[in-house]
Amino acid sequence: ANGLANSTDIVGRHYMTHNLTTMMAVSMRE
């Protein structure tokens, strides 16, 4: 009733997507 392959309520859980940071290191030089 909660979805296929999901008899133990695992499907959809433990979602991850990394901790991500973008950086711009700026100097006077192009």
ModelCIF file with pLDDT and N, C-alpha, C, O atoms, coordinates in Angstrom:
data_MODEL
#
_entry.id   MODEL 
#
_entity.id                         1 
_entity.type                       polymer 
_entity.pdbx_number_of_molecules   1 
#
_entity_poly.entity_id                      1 
_entity_poly.type                           'polypeptide(L)' 
_entity_poly.nstd_linkage                   no 
_entity_poly.nstd_monomer                   no 
_entity_poly.pdbx_seq_one_letter_code       ANGLANSTDIVGRHYMTHNLTTMMAVSMRE 
_entity_poly.pdbx_seq_one_letter_code_can   ANGLANSTDIVGRHYMTHNLTTMMAVSMRE 
_entity_poly.pdbx_strand_id                 A 
#
loop_
_entity_poly_seq.entity_id 
_entity_poly_seq.num 
_entity_poly_seq.mon_id 
_entity_poly_seq.hetero 
1 1  ALA n 
1 2  ASN n 
1 3  GLY n 
1 4  LEU n 
1 5  ALA n 
1 6  ASN n 
1 7  SER n 
1 8  THR n 
1 9  ASP n 
1 10 ILE n 
1 11 VAL n 
1 12 GLY n 
1 13 ARG n 
1 14 HIS n 
1 15 TYR n 
1 16 MET n 
1 17 THR n 
1 18 HIS n 
1 19 ASN n 
1 20 LEU n 
1 21 THR n 
1 22 THR n 
1 23 MET n 
1 24 MET n 
1 25 ALA n 
1 26 VAL n 
1 27 SER n 
1 28 MET n 
1 29 ARG n 
1 30 GLU n 
#
_struct_asym.id          A 
_struct_asym.entity_id   1 
#
loop_
_ma_qa_metric.id 
_ma_qa_metric.mode 
_ma_qa_metric.name 
_ma_qa_metric.software_group_id 
_ma_qa_metric.type 
1 global pLDDT . pLDDT 
2 local  pLDDT . pLDDT 
#
_ma_qa_metric_global.metric_id      1 
_ma_qa_metric_global.metric_value   95.97 
_ma_qa_metric_global.model_id       1 
_ma_qa_metric_global.ordinal_id     1 
#
loop_
_ma_qa_metric_local.label_asym_id 
_ma_qa_metric_local.label_comp_id 
_ma_qa_metric_local.label_seq_id 
_ma_qa_metric_local.metric_id 
_ma_qa_metric_local.metric_value 
_ma_qa_metric_local.model_id 
_ma_qa_metric_local.ordinal_id 
A ALA 1  2 93.00 1 1  
A ASN 2  2 94.00 1 2  
A GLY 3  2 96.00 1 3  
A LEU 4  2 97.00 1 4  
A ALA 5  2 97.00 1 5  
A ASN 6  2 97.00 1 6  
A SER 7  2 95.00 1 7  
A THR 8  2 95.00 1 8  
A ASP 9  2 97.00 1 9  
A ILE 10 2 97.00 1 10 
A VAL 11 2 98.00 1 11 
A GLY 12 2 98.00 1 12 
A ARG 13 2 98.00 1 13 
A HIS 14 2 98.00 1 14 
A TYR 15 2 97.00 1 15 
A MET 16 2 96.00 1 16 
A THR 17 2 93.00 1 17 
A HIS 18 2 95.00 1 18 
A ASN 19 2 96.00 1 19 
A LEU 20 2 95.00 1 20 
A THR 21 2 96.00 1 21 
A THR 22 2 95.00 1 22 
A MET 23 2 96.00 1 23 
A MET 24 2 95.00 1 24 
A ALA 25 2 97.00 1 25 
A VAL 26 2 96.00 1 26 
A SER 27 2 96.00 1 27 
A MET 28 2 95.00 1 28 
A ARG 29 2 95.00 1 29 
A GLU 30 2 96.00 1 30 
#
loop_
_atom_site.group_PDB 
_atom_site.id 
_atom_site.type_symbol 
_atom_site.label_atom_id 
_atom_site.label_alt_id 
_atom_site.label_comp_id 
_atom_site.label_asym_id 
_atom_site.label_entity_id 
_atom_site.label_seq_id 
_atom_site.pdbx_PDB_ins_code 
_atom_site.Cartn_x 
_atom_site.Cartn_y 
_atom_site.Cartn_z 
_atom_site.occupancy 
_atom_site.B_iso_or_equiv 
_atom_site.pdbx_formal_charge 
_atom_site.auth_seq_id 
_atom_site.auth_comp_id 
_atom_site.auth_asym_id 
_atom_site.auth_atom_id 
_atom_site.pdbx_PDB_model_num 
ATOM 1   N N  . ALA A 1 1  ? 0.811  -1.214 0.000   1.00 93.00 ? 1  ALA A N  1 
ATOM 2   C CA . ALA A 1 1  ? 0.000  0.000  0.000   1.00 93.00 ? 1  ALA A CA 1 
ATOM 3   C C  . ALA A 1 1  ? 0.845  1.266  0.000   1.00 93.00 ? 1  ALA A C  1 
ATOM 4   O O  . ALA A 1 1  ? 0.366  2.331  -0.389  1.00 93.00 ? 1  ALA A O  1 
ATOM 5   N N  . ASN A 1 2  ? 2.119  1.158  0.439   1.00 94.00 ? 2  ASN A N  1 
ATOM 6   C CA . ASN A 1 2  ? 3.002  2.323  0.470   1.00 94.00 ? 2  ASN A CA 1 
ATOM 7   C C  . ASN A 1 2  ? 3.944  2.372  -0.724  1.00 94.00 ? 2  ASN A C  1 
ATOM 8   O O  . ASN A 1 2  ? 4.868  3.184  -0.767  1.00 94.00 ? 2  ASN A O  1 
ATOM 9   N N  . GLY A 1 3  ? 3.703  1.497  -1.691  1.00 96.00 ? 3  GLY A N  1 
ATOM 10  C CA . GLY A 1 3  ? 4.550  1.460  -2.870  1.00 96.00 ? 3  GLY A CA 1 
ATOM 11  C C  . GLY A 1 3  ? 5.266  0.137  -3.008  1.00 96.00 ? 3  GLY A C  1 
ATOM 12  O O  . GLY A 1 3  ? 5.483  -0.569 -2.024  1.00 96.00 ? 3  GLY A O  1 
ATOM 13  N N  . LEU A 1 4  ? 5.631  -0.197 -4.232  1.00 97.00 ? 4  LEU A N  1 
ATOM 14  C CA . LEU A 1 4  ? 6.346  -1.448 -4.467  1.00 97.00 ? 4  LEU A CA 1 
ATOM 15  C C  . LEU A 1 4  ? 7.762  -1.384 -3.901  1.00 97.00 ? 4  LEU A C  1 
ATOM 16  O O  . LEU A 1 4  ? 8.328  -0.306 -3.718  1.00 97.00 ? 4  LEU A O  1 
ATOM 17  N N  . ALA A 1 5  ? 8.316  -2.553 -3.630  1.00 97.00 ? 5  ALA A N  1 
ATOM 18  C CA . ALA A 1 5  ? 9.668  -2.693 -3.068  1.00 97.00 ? 5  ALA A CA 1 
ATOM 19  C C  . ALA A 1 5  ? 9.796  -1.997 -1.722  1.00 97.00 ? 5  ALA A C  1 
ATOM 20  O O  . ALA A 1 5  ? 10.891 -1.609 -1.316  1.00 97.00 ? 5  ALA A O  1 
ATOM 21  N N  . ASN A 1 6  ? 8.665  -1.840 -1.031  1.00 97.00 ? 6  ASN A N  1 
ATOM 22  C CA . ASN A 1 6  ? 8.654  -0.964 0.148   1.00 97.00 ? 6  ASN A CA 1 
ATOM 23  C C  . ASN A 1 6  ? 8.020  -1.636 1.357   1.00 97.00 ? 6  ASN A C  1 
ATOM 24  O O  . ASN A 1 6  ? 7.351  -0.975 2.151   1.00 97.00 ? 6  ASN A O  1 
ATOM 25  N N  . SER A 1 7  ? 8.218  -2.923 1.503   1.00 95.00 ? 7  SER A N  1 
ATOM 26  C CA . SER A 1 7  ? 7.607  -3.625 2.624   1.00 95.00 ? 7  SER A CA 1 
ATOM 27  C C  . SER A 1 7  ? 8.172  -3.177 3.965   1.00 95.00 ? 7  SER A C  1 
ATOM 28  O O  . SER A 1 7  ? 7.526  -3.357 4.997   1.00 95.00 ? 7  SER A O  1 
ATOM 29  N N  . THR A 1 8  ? 9.364  -2.596 3.963   1.00 95.00 ? 8  THR A N  1 
ATOM 30  C CA . THR A 1 8  ? 9.976  -2.145 5.218   1.00 95.00 ? 8  THR A CA 1 
ATOM 31  C C  . THR A 1 8  ? 10.095 -0.625 5.293   1.00 95.00 ? 8  THR A C  1 
ATOM 32  O O  . THR A 1 8  ? 10.885 -0.099 6.077   1.00 95.00 ? 8  THR A O  1 
ATOM 33  N N  . ASP A 1 9  ? 9.310  0.080  4.477   1.00 97.00 ? 9  ASP A N  1 
ATOM 34  C CA . ASP A 1 9  ? 9.238  1.553  4.539   1.00 97.00 ? 9  ASP A CA 1 
ATOM 35  C C  . ASP A 1 9  ? 10.596 2.206  4.308   1.00 97.00 ? 9  ASP A C  1 
ATOM 36  O O  . ASP A 1 9  ? 10.974 3.137  5.019   1.00 97.00 ? 9  ASP A O  1 
ATOM 37  N N  . ILE A 1 10 ? 11.324 1.711  3.311   1.00 97.00 ? 10 ILE A N  1 
ATOM 38  C CA . ILE A 1 10 ? 12.638 2.258  2.962   1.00 97.00 ? 10 ILE A CA 1 
ATOM 39  C C  . ILE A 1 10 ? 12.541 3.229  1.790   1.00 97.00 ? 10 ILE A C  1 
ATOM 40  O O  . ILE A 1 10 ? 13.267 4.222  1.754   1.00 97.00 ? 10 ILE A O  1 
ATOM 41  N N  . VAL A 1 11 ? 11.667 2.963  0.844   1.00 98.00 ? 11 VAL A N  1 
ATOM 42  C CA . VAL A 1 11 ? 11.611 3.730  -0.406  1.00 98.00 ? 11 VAL A CA 1 
ATOM 43  C C  . VAL A 1 11 ? 11.327 5.206  -0.132  1.00 98.00 ? 11 VAL A C  1 
ATOM 44  O O  . VAL A 1 11 ? 10.386 5.557  0.580   1.00 98.00 ? 11 VAL A O  1 
ATOM 45  N N  . GLY A 1 12 ? 12.156 6.046  -0.709  1.00 98.00 ? 12 GLY A N  1 
ATOM 46  C CA . GLY A 1 12 ? 12.038 7.493  -0.536  1.00 98.00 ? 12 GLY A CA 1 
ATOM 47  C C  . GLY A 1 12 ? 12.890 8.043  0.581   1.00 98.00 ? 12 GLY A C  1 
ATOM 48  O O  . GLY A 1 12 ? 13.168 9.242  0.613   1.00 98.00 ? 12 GLY A O  1 
ATOM 49  N N  . ARG A 1 13 ? 13.314 7.183  1.507   1.00 98.00 ? 13 ARG A N  1 
ATOM 50  C CA . ARG A 1 13 ? 14.095 7.646  2.658   1.00 98.00 ? 13 ARG A CA 1 
ATOM 51  C C  . ARG A 1 13 ? 15.596 7.682  2.346   1.00 98.00 ? 13 ARG A C  1 
ATOM 52  O O  . ARG A 1 13 ? 16.047 7.186  1.314   1.00 98.00 ? 13 ARG A O  1 
ATOM 53  N N  . HIS A 1 14 ? 16.352 8.281  3.268   1.00 98.00 ? 14 HIS A N  1 
ATOM 54  C CA . HIS A 1 14 ? 17.825 8.387  3.171   1.00 98.00 ? 14 HIS A CA 1 
ATOM 55  C C  . HIS A 1 14 ? 18.250 9.175  1.927   1.00 98.00 ? 14 HIS A C  1 
ATOM 56  O O  . HIS A 1 14 ? 19.279 8.888  1.316   1.00 98.00 ? 14 HIS A O  1 
ATOM 57  N N  . TYR A 1 15 ? 17.441 10.166 1.567   1.00 97.00 ? 15 TYR A N  1 
ATOM 58  C CA . TYR A 1 15 ? 17.774 11.037 0.434   1.00 97.00 ? 15 TYR A CA 1 
ATOM 59  C C  . TYR A 1 15 ? 19.027 11.849 0.770   1.00 97.00 ? 15 TYR A C  1 
ATOM 60  O O  . TYR A 1 15 ? 19.153 12.394 1.867   1.00 97.00 ? 15 TYR A O  1 
ATOM 61  N N  . MET A 1 16 ? 19.949 11.920 -0.193  1.00 96.00 ? 16 MET A N  1 
ATOM 62  C CA . MET A 1 16 ? 21.200 12.681 -0.013  1.00 96.00 ? 16 MET A CA 1 
ATOM 63  C C  . MET A 1 16 ? 21.492 13.469 -1.288  1.00 96.00 ? 16 MET A C  1 
ATOM 64  O O  . MET A 1 16 ? 21.055 13.098 -2.378  1.00 96.00 ? 16 MET A O  1 
ATOM 65  N N  . THR A 1 17 ? 22.233 14.557 -1.133  1.00 93.00 ? 17 THR A N  1 
ATOM 66  C CA . THR A 1 17 ? 22.610 15.346 -2.309  1.00 93.00 ? 17 THR A CA 1 
ATOM 67  C C  . THR A 1 17 ? 23.908 16.123 -2.126  1.00 93.00 ? 17 THR A C  1 
ATOM 68  O O  . THR A 1 17 ? 24.161 17.086 -2.850  1.00 93.00 ? 17 THR A O  1 
ATOM 69  N N  . HIS A 1 18 ? 24.745 15.708 -1.151  1.00 95.00 ? 18 HIS A N  1 
ATOM 70  C CA . HIS A 1 18 ? 26.029 16.353 -0.857  1.00 95.00 ? 18 HIS A CA 1 
ATOM 71  C C  . HIS A 1 18 ? 25.845 17.728 -0.217  1.00 95.00 ? 18 HIS A C  1 
ATOM 72  O O  . HIS A 1 18 ? 24.821 18.388 -0.396  1.00 95.00 ? 18 HIS A O  1 
ATOM 73  N N  . ASN A 1 19 ? 26.853 18.132 0.522   1.00 96.00 ? 19 ASN A N  1 
ATOM 74  C CA . ASN A 1 19 ? 26.997 19.527 0.956   1.00 96.00 ? 19 ASN A CA 1 
ATOM 75  C C  . ASN A 1 19 ? 27.957 20.184 -0.030  1.00 96.00 ? 19 ASN A C  1 
ATOM 76  O O  . ASN A 1 19 ? 29.108 19.767 -0.161  1.00 96.00 ? 19 ASN A O  1 
ATOM 77  N N  . LEU A 1 20 ? 27.477 21.207 -0.717  1.00 95.00 ? 20 LEU A N  1 
ATOM 78  C CA . LEU A 1 20 ? 28.212 21.802 -1.834  1.00 95.00 ? 20 LEU A CA 1 
ATOM 79  C C  . LEU A 1 20 ? 28.349 23.309 -1.657  1.00 95.00 ? 20 LEU A C  1 
ATOM 80  O O  . LEU A 1 20 ? 27.392 23.989 -1.288  1.00 95.00 ? 20 LEU A O  1 
ATOM 81  N N  . THR A 1 21 ? 29.540 23.821 -1.920  1.00 96.00 ? 21 THR A N  1 
ATOM 82  C CA . THR A 1 21 ? 29.759 25.266 -1.908  1.00 96.00 ? 21 THR A CA 1 
ATOM 83  C C  . THR A 1 21 ? 30.563 25.664 -3.141  1.00 96.00 ? 21 THR A C  1 
ATOM 84  O O  . THR A 1 21 ? 31.590 25.059 -3.451  1.00 96.00 ? 21 THR A O  1 
ATOM 85  N N  . THR A 1 22 ? 30.087 26.677 -3.831  1.00 95.00 ? 22 THR A N  1 
ATOM 86  C CA . THR A 1 22 ? 30.845 27.234 -4.952  1.00 95.00 ? 22 THR A CA 1 
ATOM 87  C C  . THR A 1 22 ? 31.596 28.469 -4.461  1.00 95.00 ? 22 THR A C  1 
ATOM 88  O O  . THR A 1 22 ? 31.084 29.240 -3.650  1.00 95.00 ? 22 THR A O  1 
ATOM 89  N N  . MET A 1 23 ? 32.817 28.642 -4.963  1.00 96.00 ? 23 MET A N  1 
ATOM 90  C CA . MET A 1 23 ? 33.648 29.781 -4.568  1.00 96.00 ? 23 MET A CA 1 
ATOM 91  C C  . MET A 1 23 ? 34.194 30.487 -5.788  1.00 96.00 ? 23 MET A C  1 
ATOM 92  O O  . MET A 1 23 ? 34.564 29.857 -6.778  1.00 96.00 ? 23 MET A O  1 
ATOM 93  N N  . MET A 1 24 ? 34.239 31.791 -5.703  1.00 95.00 ? 24 MET A N  1 
ATOM 94  C CA . MET A 1 24 ? 34.909 32.631 -6.689  1.00 95.00 ? 24 MET A CA 1 
ATOM 95  C C  . MET A 1 24 ? 36.092 33.299 -5.998  1.00 95.00 ? 24 MET A C  1 
ATOM 96  O O  . MET A 1 24 ? 35.918 34.170 -5.146  1.00 95.00 ? 24 MET A O  1 
ATOM 97  N N  . ALA A 1 25 ? 37.281 32.884 -6.374  1.00 97.00 ? 25 ALA A N  1 
ATOM 98  C CA . ALA A 1 25 ? 38.497 33.507 -5.842  1.00 97.00 ? 25 ALA A CA 1 
ATOM 99  C C  . ALA A 1 25 ? 38.912 34.607 -6.811  1.00 97.00 ? 25 ALA A C  1 
ATOM 100 O O  . ALA A 1 25 ? 39.261 34.326 -7.958  1.00 97.00 ? 25 ALA A O  1 
ATOM 101 N N  . VAL A 1 26 ? 38.877 35.845 -6.362  1.00 96.00 ? 26 VAL A N  1 
ATOM 102 C CA . VAL A 1 26 ? 39.032 36.997 -7.252  1.00 96.00 ? 26 VAL A CA 1 
ATOM 103 C C  . VAL A 1 26 ? 40.344 37.726 -6.961  1.00 96.00 ? 26 VAL A C  1 
ATOM 104 O O  . VAL A 1 26 ? 40.700 37.974 -5.809  1.00 96.00 ? 26 VAL A O  1 
ATOM 105 N N  . SER A 1 27 ? 41.052 38.061 -8.045  1.00 96.00 ? 27 SER A N  1 
ATOM 106 C CA . SER A 1 27 ? 42.257 38.884 -7.938  1.00 96.00 ? 27 SER A CA 1 
ATOM 107 C C  . SER A 1 27 ? 42.177 39.991 -8.991  1.00 96.00 ? 27 SER A C  1 
ATOM 108 O O  . SER A 1 27 ? 41.202 40.071 -9.738  1.00 96.00 ? 27 SER A O  1 
ATOM 109 N N  . MET A 1 28 ? 43.183 40.827 -9.047  1.00 95.00 ? 28 MET A N  1 
ATOM 110 C CA . MET A 1 28 ? 43.187 41.898 -10.039 1.00 95.00 ? 28 MET A CA 1 
ATOM 111 C C  . MET A 1 28 ? 43.549 41.378 -11.422 1.00 95.00 ? 28 MET A C  1 
ATOM 112 O O  . MET A 1 28 ? 43.315 42.057 -12.422 1.00 95.00 ? 28 MET A O  1 
ATOM 113 N N  . ARG A 1 29 ? 44.111 40.192 -11.485 1.00 95.00 ? 29 ARG A N  1 
ATOM 114 C CA . ARG A 1 29 ? 44.541 39.629 -12.760 1.00 95.00 ? 29 ARG A CA 1 
ATOM 115 C C  . ARG A 1 29 ? 43.382 38.922 -13.455 1.00 95.00 ? 29 ARG A C  1 
ATOM 116 O O  . ARG A 1 29 ? 42.635 38.186 -12.810 1.00 95.00 ? 29 ARG A O  1 
ATOM 117 N N  . GLU A 1 30 ? 43.224 39.133 -14.754 1.00 96.00 ? 30 GLU A N  1 
ATOM 118 C CA . GLU A 1 30 ? 42.152 38.468 -15.500 1.00 96.00 ? 30 GLU A CA 1 
ATOM 119 C C  . GLU A 1 30 ? 42.492 36.996 -15.715 1.00 96.00 ? 30 GLU A C  1 
ATOM 120 O O  . GLU A 1 30 ? 41.712 36.265 -16.325 1.00 96.00 ? 30 GLU A O  1 
#
